N, C-alpha and C. Protein backbone atom coordinates (compact mmCIF):
# COMPACT_ATOMS: atom_id res chain seq x y z
N MET A 1 -34.04 34.30 10.12
CA MET A 1 -33.40 35.25 9.40
C MET A 1 -34.36 36.09 8.65
N SER A 2 -34.34 37.35 8.80
CA SER A 2 -35.31 38.15 8.22
C SER A 2 -34.96 38.30 6.69
N ASN A 3 -35.97 38.80 5.92
CA ASN A 3 -35.81 38.80 4.48
C ASN A 3 -34.77 39.72 4.14
N SER A 4 -34.55 40.89 4.72
CA SER A 4 -33.52 41.88 4.41
C SER A 4 -32.12 41.30 4.58
N TYR A 5 -31.91 40.60 5.72
CA TYR A 5 -30.67 40.01 5.91
C TYR A 5 -30.32 38.97 4.87
N PHE A 6 -31.38 38.21 4.53
CA PHE A 6 -31.18 37.22 3.38
C PHE A 6 -30.71 37.88 2.15
N ILE A 7 -31.32 38.98 1.77
CA ILE A 7 -31.02 39.65 0.49
C ILE A 7 -29.56 40.16 0.61
N VAL A 8 -29.11 40.79 1.70
CA VAL A 8 -27.80 41.19 1.83
C VAL A 8 -26.88 39.95 1.71
N PHE A 9 -27.20 38.96 2.43
CA PHE A 9 -26.42 37.72 2.31
C PHE A 9 -26.15 37.22 0.92
N VAL A 10 -27.33 37.20 0.11
CA VAL A 10 -27.23 36.79 -1.29
C VAL A 10 -26.39 37.77 -2.08
N GLN A 11 -26.51 38.99 -1.85
CA GLN A 11 -25.70 40.00 -2.57
C GLN A 11 -24.18 39.77 -2.30
N ILE A 12 -23.85 39.58 -1.01
CA ILE A 12 -22.49 39.29 -0.70
C ILE A 12 -21.97 38.01 -1.32
N LEU A 13 -22.83 37.04 -1.29
CA LEU A 13 -22.51 35.73 -1.94
C LEU A 13 -22.27 35.92 -3.38
N ARG A 14 -23.10 36.62 -4.03
CA ARG A 14 -22.91 36.90 -5.55
C ARG A 14 -21.59 37.61 -5.85
N ARG A 15 -21.24 38.61 -4.94
CA ARG A 15 -19.94 39.32 -5.27
C ARG A 15 -18.74 38.37 -5.07
N ASN A 16 -18.92 37.54 -4.09
CA ASN A 16 -17.75 36.67 -3.79
C ASN A 16 -17.87 35.34 -4.31
N PHE A 17 -18.84 35.10 -5.22
CA PHE A 17 -19.05 33.80 -5.75
C PHE A 17 -17.81 33.25 -6.52
N LYS A 18 -17.27 34.12 -7.42
CA LYS A 18 -16.23 33.73 -8.15
C LYS A 18 -14.98 33.39 -7.25
N ASP A 19 -14.74 34.16 -6.18
CA ASP A 19 -13.73 33.85 -5.31
C ASP A 19 -13.91 32.59 -4.57
N ILE A 20 -15.17 32.33 -4.23
CA ILE A 20 -15.45 31.05 -3.50
C ILE A 20 -15.20 29.87 -4.45
N ILE A 21 -15.67 29.95 -5.68
CA ILE A 21 -15.56 28.94 -6.55
C ILE A 21 -13.95 28.71 -6.90
N ALA A 22 -13.26 29.79 -7.01
CA ALA A 22 -11.85 29.65 -7.27
C ALA A 22 -11.15 28.89 -6.08
N PHE A 23 -11.58 29.26 -4.89
CA PHE A 23 -10.95 28.75 -3.70
C PHE A 23 -11.26 27.20 -3.68
N ILE A 24 -12.60 26.80 -4.00
CA ILE A 24 -13.00 25.38 -3.93
C ILE A 24 -12.14 24.61 -4.98
N PHE A 25 -11.98 25.18 -6.21
CA PHE A 25 -11.18 24.52 -7.12
C PHE A 25 -9.70 24.39 -6.78
N SER A 26 -9.18 25.43 -6.18
CA SER A 26 -7.77 25.37 -5.76
C SER A 26 -7.64 24.22 -4.71
N LEU A 27 -8.58 24.03 -3.81
CA LEU A 27 -8.50 23.01 -2.80
C LEU A 27 -8.65 21.65 -3.49
N HIS A 28 -9.53 21.61 -4.51
CA HIS A 28 -9.71 20.43 -5.29
C HIS A 28 -8.49 19.94 -5.95
N LYS A 29 -7.70 20.83 -6.50
CA LYS A 29 -6.48 20.46 -7.19
C LYS A 29 -5.39 19.98 -6.19
N ILE A 30 -5.44 20.50 -4.95
CA ILE A 30 -4.44 20.13 -3.96
C ILE A 30 -4.88 18.78 -3.26
N LEU A 31 -6.09 18.64 -2.99
CA LEU A 31 -6.52 17.49 -2.23
C LEU A 31 -6.91 16.30 -3.07
N THR A 32 -7.21 16.40 -4.19
CA THR A 32 -7.58 15.27 -5.06
C THR A 32 -6.53 14.20 -5.11
N PRO A 33 -5.28 14.54 -5.45
CA PRO A 33 -4.23 13.47 -5.54
C PRO A 33 -4.00 12.84 -4.22
N CYS A 34 -4.08 13.51 -3.07
CA CYS A 34 -3.94 13.02 -1.77
C CYS A 34 -5.08 12.03 -1.43
N ILE A 35 -6.23 12.47 -1.65
CA ILE A 35 -7.42 11.64 -1.38
C ILE A 35 -7.50 10.43 -2.31
N TRP A 36 -7.13 10.68 -3.62
CA TRP A 36 -7.11 9.53 -4.52
C TRP A 36 -6.06 8.49 -4.19
N SER A 37 -4.90 8.93 -3.75
CA SER A 37 -3.83 7.91 -3.38
C SER A 37 -4.24 7.08 -2.13
N ILE A 38 -5.04 7.80 -1.20
CA ILE A 38 -5.48 7.03 -0.02
C ILE A 38 -6.60 6.02 -0.40
N ILE A 39 -7.52 6.56 -1.16
CA ILE A 39 -8.68 5.71 -1.50
C ILE A 39 -8.24 4.60 -2.41
N MET A 40 -7.33 4.79 -3.32
CA MET A 40 -7.06 3.86 -4.42
C MET A 40 -5.93 2.87 -4.04
N LYS A 41 -5.50 2.87 -2.80
CA LYS A 41 -4.46 1.93 -2.50
C LYS A 41 -5.02 0.57 -2.63
N LYS A 42 -4.09 -0.40 -3.08
CA LYS A 42 -4.48 -1.70 -3.33
C LYS A 42 -3.77 -2.64 -2.34
N ASP A 43 -4.39 -3.82 -2.17
CA ASP A 43 -3.82 -4.80 -1.35
C ASP A 43 -2.64 -5.51 -2.13
N LEU A 44 -1.65 -5.94 -1.40
CA LEU A 44 -0.50 -6.59 -2.08
C LEU A 44 -0.58 -8.10 -1.76
N ILE A 45 -0.40 -8.96 -2.81
CA ILE A 45 -0.38 -10.34 -2.62
C ILE A 45 1.12 -10.70 -2.84
N ILE A 46 1.64 -11.44 -2.01
CA ILE A 46 3.09 -11.88 -2.23
C ILE A 46 3.10 -13.38 -2.40
N VAL A 47 3.53 -13.89 -3.53
CA VAL A 47 3.63 -15.27 -3.78
C VAL A 47 5.13 -15.58 -4.07
N GLU A 48 5.46 -16.87 -4.27
CA GLU A 48 6.81 -17.29 -4.48
C GLU A 48 7.19 -17.27 -5.92
N SER A 49 6.28 -17.77 -6.83
CA SER A 49 6.66 -17.97 -8.20
C SER A 49 6.16 -16.82 -9.13
N PRO A 50 6.98 -16.36 -10.06
CA PRO A 50 6.58 -15.43 -11.04
C PRO A 50 5.44 -16.00 -11.97
N ALA A 51 5.45 -17.28 -12.13
CA ALA A 51 4.31 -17.91 -12.95
C ALA A 51 3.02 -17.75 -12.19
N LYS A 52 2.99 -17.87 -10.89
CA LYS A 52 1.82 -17.72 -10.06
C LYS A 52 1.32 -16.25 -10.16
N VAL A 53 2.30 -15.33 -10.18
CA VAL A 53 1.82 -13.87 -10.36
C VAL A 53 0.96 -13.69 -11.55
N LYS A 54 1.32 -14.31 -12.67
CA LYS A 54 0.50 -14.10 -13.86
C LYS A 54 -0.83 -14.82 -13.67
N THR A 55 -0.86 -15.97 -13.12
CA THR A 55 -2.14 -16.67 -12.88
C THR A 55 -3.04 -15.97 -11.95
N ILE A 56 -2.49 -15.40 -10.80
CA ILE A 56 -3.25 -14.75 -9.89
C ILE A 56 -3.77 -13.40 -10.39
N LYS A 57 -2.92 -12.73 -11.19
CA LYS A 57 -3.37 -11.46 -11.85
C LYS A 57 -4.60 -11.67 -12.69
N LYS A 58 -4.63 -12.79 -13.37
CA LYS A 58 -5.75 -13.21 -14.23
C LYS A 58 -7.06 -13.26 -13.42
N ILE A 59 -6.90 -13.78 -12.23
CA ILE A 59 -8.05 -14.05 -11.38
C ILE A 59 -8.50 -12.75 -10.68
N VAL A 60 -7.62 -11.97 -10.13
CA VAL A 60 -7.94 -10.79 -9.25
C VAL A 60 -7.98 -9.44 -10.13
N GLY A 61 -7.46 -9.48 -11.26
CA GLY A 61 -7.41 -8.36 -12.09
C GLY A 61 -6.58 -7.24 -11.57
N ASN A 62 -7.04 -6.00 -11.76
CA ASN A 62 -6.29 -4.81 -11.34
C ASN A 62 -6.63 -4.45 -9.90
N ASN A 63 -7.41 -5.24 -9.24
CA ASN A 63 -7.79 -4.87 -7.83
C ASN A 63 -6.74 -5.13 -6.82
N TYR A 64 -5.68 -5.91 -7.18
CA TYR A 64 -4.56 -6.20 -6.24
C TYR A 64 -3.26 -5.93 -6.94
N LEU A 65 -2.17 -5.72 -6.13
CA LEU A 65 -0.85 -5.72 -6.60
C LEU A 65 -0.32 -7.17 -6.30
N VAL A 66 0.35 -7.83 -7.21
CA VAL A 66 0.83 -9.18 -6.99
C VAL A 66 2.34 -9.16 -7.35
N GLU A 67 3.12 -9.55 -6.42
CA GLU A 67 4.60 -9.68 -6.54
C GLU A 67 5.01 -11.06 -6.17
N ALA A 68 6.20 -11.38 -6.73
CA ALA A 68 6.93 -12.69 -6.39
C ALA A 68 8.20 -12.56 -5.72
N THR A 69 8.40 -13.48 -4.78
CA THR A 69 9.65 -13.50 -4.05
C THR A 69 10.77 -14.32 -4.85
N VAL A 70 10.32 -15.01 -5.83
CA VAL A 70 11.25 -15.81 -6.69
C VAL A 70 11.91 -16.82 -5.77
N GLY A 71 11.22 -17.56 -4.98
CA GLY A 71 11.89 -18.46 -4.07
C GLY A 71 11.80 -17.92 -2.67
N HIS A 72 12.57 -18.61 -1.82
CA HIS A 72 12.70 -18.20 -0.39
C HIS A 72 13.59 -16.95 -0.30
N ILE A 73 13.22 -16.08 0.57
CA ILE A 73 13.94 -14.83 0.81
C ILE A 73 14.53 -14.74 2.14
N MET A 74 14.06 -15.54 3.13
CA MET A 74 14.57 -15.54 4.48
C MET A 74 14.94 -17.02 4.89
N ASP A 75 15.93 -17.19 5.76
CA ASP A 75 16.42 -18.48 6.16
C ASP A 75 17.06 -18.29 7.56
N LEU A 76 17.35 -19.47 8.21
CA LEU A 76 18.14 -19.40 9.42
C LEU A 76 19.56 -19.17 9.03
N PRO A 77 20.39 -18.53 9.90
CA PRO A 77 21.72 -18.31 9.64
C PRO A 77 22.48 -19.65 9.50
N LYS A 78 23.47 -19.65 8.70
CA LYS A 78 24.27 -20.91 8.50
C LYS A 78 25.40 -21.05 9.60
N ASN A 79 25.81 -19.94 10.17
CA ASN A 79 26.90 -19.96 11.08
C ASN A 79 26.57 -20.23 12.59
N ASN A 80 25.24 -20.25 12.91
CA ASN A 80 24.91 -20.60 14.24
C ASN A 80 23.58 -21.28 14.25
N LEU A 81 23.11 -21.60 15.44
CA LEU A 81 21.93 -22.47 15.51
C LEU A 81 20.63 -21.81 14.94
N GLY A 82 20.53 -20.46 15.15
CA GLY A 82 19.47 -19.73 14.47
C GLY A 82 18.29 -19.60 15.38
N VAL A 83 18.35 -20.12 16.61
CA VAL A 83 17.32 -19.82 17.61
C VAL A 83 17.88 -19.52 18.91
N ASP A 84 17.15 -18.67 19.60
CA ASP A 84 17.59 -18.15 20.94
C ASP A 84 16.98 -19.03 22.02
N GLU A 85 17.82 -19.99 22.59
CA GLU A 85 17.36 -20.93 23.58
C GLU A 85 16.81 -20.34 24.84
N LYS A 86 17.36 -19.12 25.23
CA LYS A 86 17.00 -18.52 26.39
C LYS A 86 15.81 -17.66 26.25
N ASN A 87 15.30 -17.38 25.06
CA ASN A 87 14.15 -16.59 24.74
C ASN A 87 13.05 -17.34 24.08
N ASN A 88 12.72 -18.53 24.72
CA ASN A 88 11.61 -19.33 24.18
C ASN A 88 11.91 -19.86 22.80
N PHE A 89 13.16 -20.14 22.49
CA PHE A 89 13.56 -20.67 21.13
C PHE A 89 13.12 -19.70 19.99
N LYS A 90 13.18 -18.41 20.21
CA LYS A 90 12.88 -17.41 19.17
C LYS A 90 13.82 -17.56 17.97
N PRO A 91 13.34 -17.72 16.74
CA PRO A 91 14.20 -17.89 15.66
C PRO A 91 14.79 -16.65 15.13
N THR A 92 16.02 -16.73 14.58
CA THR A 92 16.65 -15.58 14.02
C THR A 92 16.77 -15.79 12.58
N TYR A 93 16.15 -14.89 11.80
CA TYR A 93 16.20 -15.06 10.21
C TYR A 93 17.20 -14.10 9.71
N VAL A 94 17.73 -14.46 8.55
CA VAL A 94 18.51 -13.61 7.80
C VAL A 94 18.01 -13.65 6.34
N ILE A 95 18.30 -12.57 5.57
CA ILE A 95 17.95 -12.53 4.20
C ILE A 95 18.96 -13.47 3.41
N VAL A 96 18.37 -14.22 2.54
CA VAL A 96 19.17 -15.16 1.76
C VAL A 96 20.02 -14.25 0.82
N PRO A 97 21.39 -14.62 0.76
CA PRO A 97 22.27 -13.89 -0.09
C PRO A 97 21.76 -13.72 -1.51
N GLY A 98 21.79 -12.64 -2.06
CA GLY A 98 21.26 -12.38 -3.49
C GLY A 98 19.86 -12.00 -3.51
N LYS A 99 19.18 -12.00 -2.42
CA LYS A 99 17.72 -11.60 -2.46
C LYS A 99 17.49 -10.28 -1.87
N GLU A 100 18.54 -9.50 -1.62
CA GLU A 100 18.37 -8.13 -1.00
C GLU A 100 17.50 -7.22 -1.91
N ALA A 101 17.67 -7.31 -3.19
CA ALA A 101 16.97 -6.45 -4.13
C ALA A 101 15.43 -6.84 -4.07
N VAL A 102 15.19 -8.13 -4.07
CA VAL A 102 13.83 -8.63 -4.00
C VAL A 102 13.15 -8.07 -2.81
N VAL A 103 13.84 -8.23 -1.58
CA VAL A 103 13.28 -7.69 -0.34
C VAL A 103 13.02 -6.21 -0.40
N LYS A 104 13.90 -5.52 -0.91
CA LYS A 104 13.72 -4.08 -1.04
C LYS A 104 12.52 -3.65 -1.88
N LYS A 105 12.35 -4.33 -2.96
CA LYS A 105 11.26 -4.15 -3.84
C LYS A 105 10.02 -4.48 -3.16
N LEU A 106 9.95 -5.59 -2.42
CA LEU A 106 8.69 -5.94 -1.68
C LEU A 106 8.39 -4.90 -0.59
N GLN A 107 9.46 -4.40 0.05
CA GLN A 107 9.20 -3.45 1.13
C GLN A 107 8.58 -2.18 0.52
N GLN A 108 9.07 -1.79 -0.64
CA GLN A 108 8.62 -0.50 -1.26
C GLN A 108 7.11 -0.78 -1.70
N SER A 109 6.78 -2.00 -2.22
CA SER A 109 5.43 -2.28 -2.62
C SER A 109 4.54 -2.34 -1.40
N ALA A 110 5.04 -2.84 -0.34
CA ALA A 110 4.22 -2.99 0.95
C ALA A 110 3.88 -1.58 1.48
N LYS A 111 4.82 -0.63 1.33
CA LYS A 111 4.50 0.72 1.83
C LYS A 111 3.39 1.37 1.02
N LYS A 112 3.28 1.05 -0.27
CA LYS A 112 2.20 1.59 -1.05
C LYS A 112 0.88 0.88 -0.92
N ALA A 113 0.82 -0.23 -0.25
CA ALA A 113 -0.39 -1.07 -0.26
C ALA A 113 -1.14 -0.85 1.00
N ASN A 114 -2.41 -1.13 0.84
CA ASN A 114 -3.36 -1.05 2.10
C ASN A 114 -3.01 -2.15 3.07
N SER A 115 -2.87 -3.39 2.58
CA SER A 115 -2.49 -4.46 3.50
C SER A 115 -1.63 -5.44 2.53
N VAL A 116 -0.98 -6.34 3.28
CA VAL A 116 -0.16 -7.38 2.58
C VAL A 116 -0.69 -8.77 2.88
N LEU A 117 -0.92 -9.56 1.82
CA LEU A 117 -1.48 -10.91 1.95
C LEU A 117 -0.30 -11.85 1.49
N LEU A 118 0.12 -12.68 2.40
CA LEU A 118 1.17 -13.71 2.10
C LEU A 118 0.57 -14.94 1.55
N ALA A 119 0.99 -15.43 0.41
CA ALA A 119 0.46 -16.75 -0.17
C ALA A 119 1.62 -17.66 -0.50
N PRO A 120 2.22 -18.07 0.56
CA PRO A 120 3.45 -19.04 0.40
C PRO A 120 3.05 -20.45 -0.10
N ASP A 121 3.96 -21.05 -0.68
CA ASP A 121 3.82 -22.50 -1.08
C ASP A 121 3.77 -23.37 0.16
N PRO A 122 3.01 -24.46 0.10
CA PRO A 122 2.95 -25.35 1.22
C PRO A 122 4.24 -26.26 1.30
N ASP A 123 5.41 -25.70 1.36
CA ASP A 123 6.62 -26.50 1.38
C ASP A 123 6.71 -27.30 2.64
N ARG A 124 7.45 -28.36 2.55
CA ARG A 124 7.67 -29.24 3.75
C ARG A 124 9.04 -28.92 4.38
N GLU A 125 9.89 -28.13 3.77
CA GLU A 125 11.15 -27.91 4.26
C GLU A 125 11.28 -27.08 5.44
């Protein structure tokens, strides 16, 4: 680039500098919340007990979302066998009555999370 072209380029840049800066700041205002929400998504840890939520939050701090199911939220249906014998004994699960609100809350939290980590109790049932 010759020196005269460079001078012309700098003059054009000076005239439009305020417009360029205004444009960059307008993009910044629009893009920052979107980028921030993507970058700052947290992982969700799902446990059974609300007491465990408090304990785990002390350990992981604000780096994770921690939610409780307050017991079991899914079970086999009571009115039939609950497995499909013809489809390799595939289980059929239903939401435990009264746990619909908990499931909805967990689904909403999962949509906001990067990933979901399940931490169930080692039940024998």
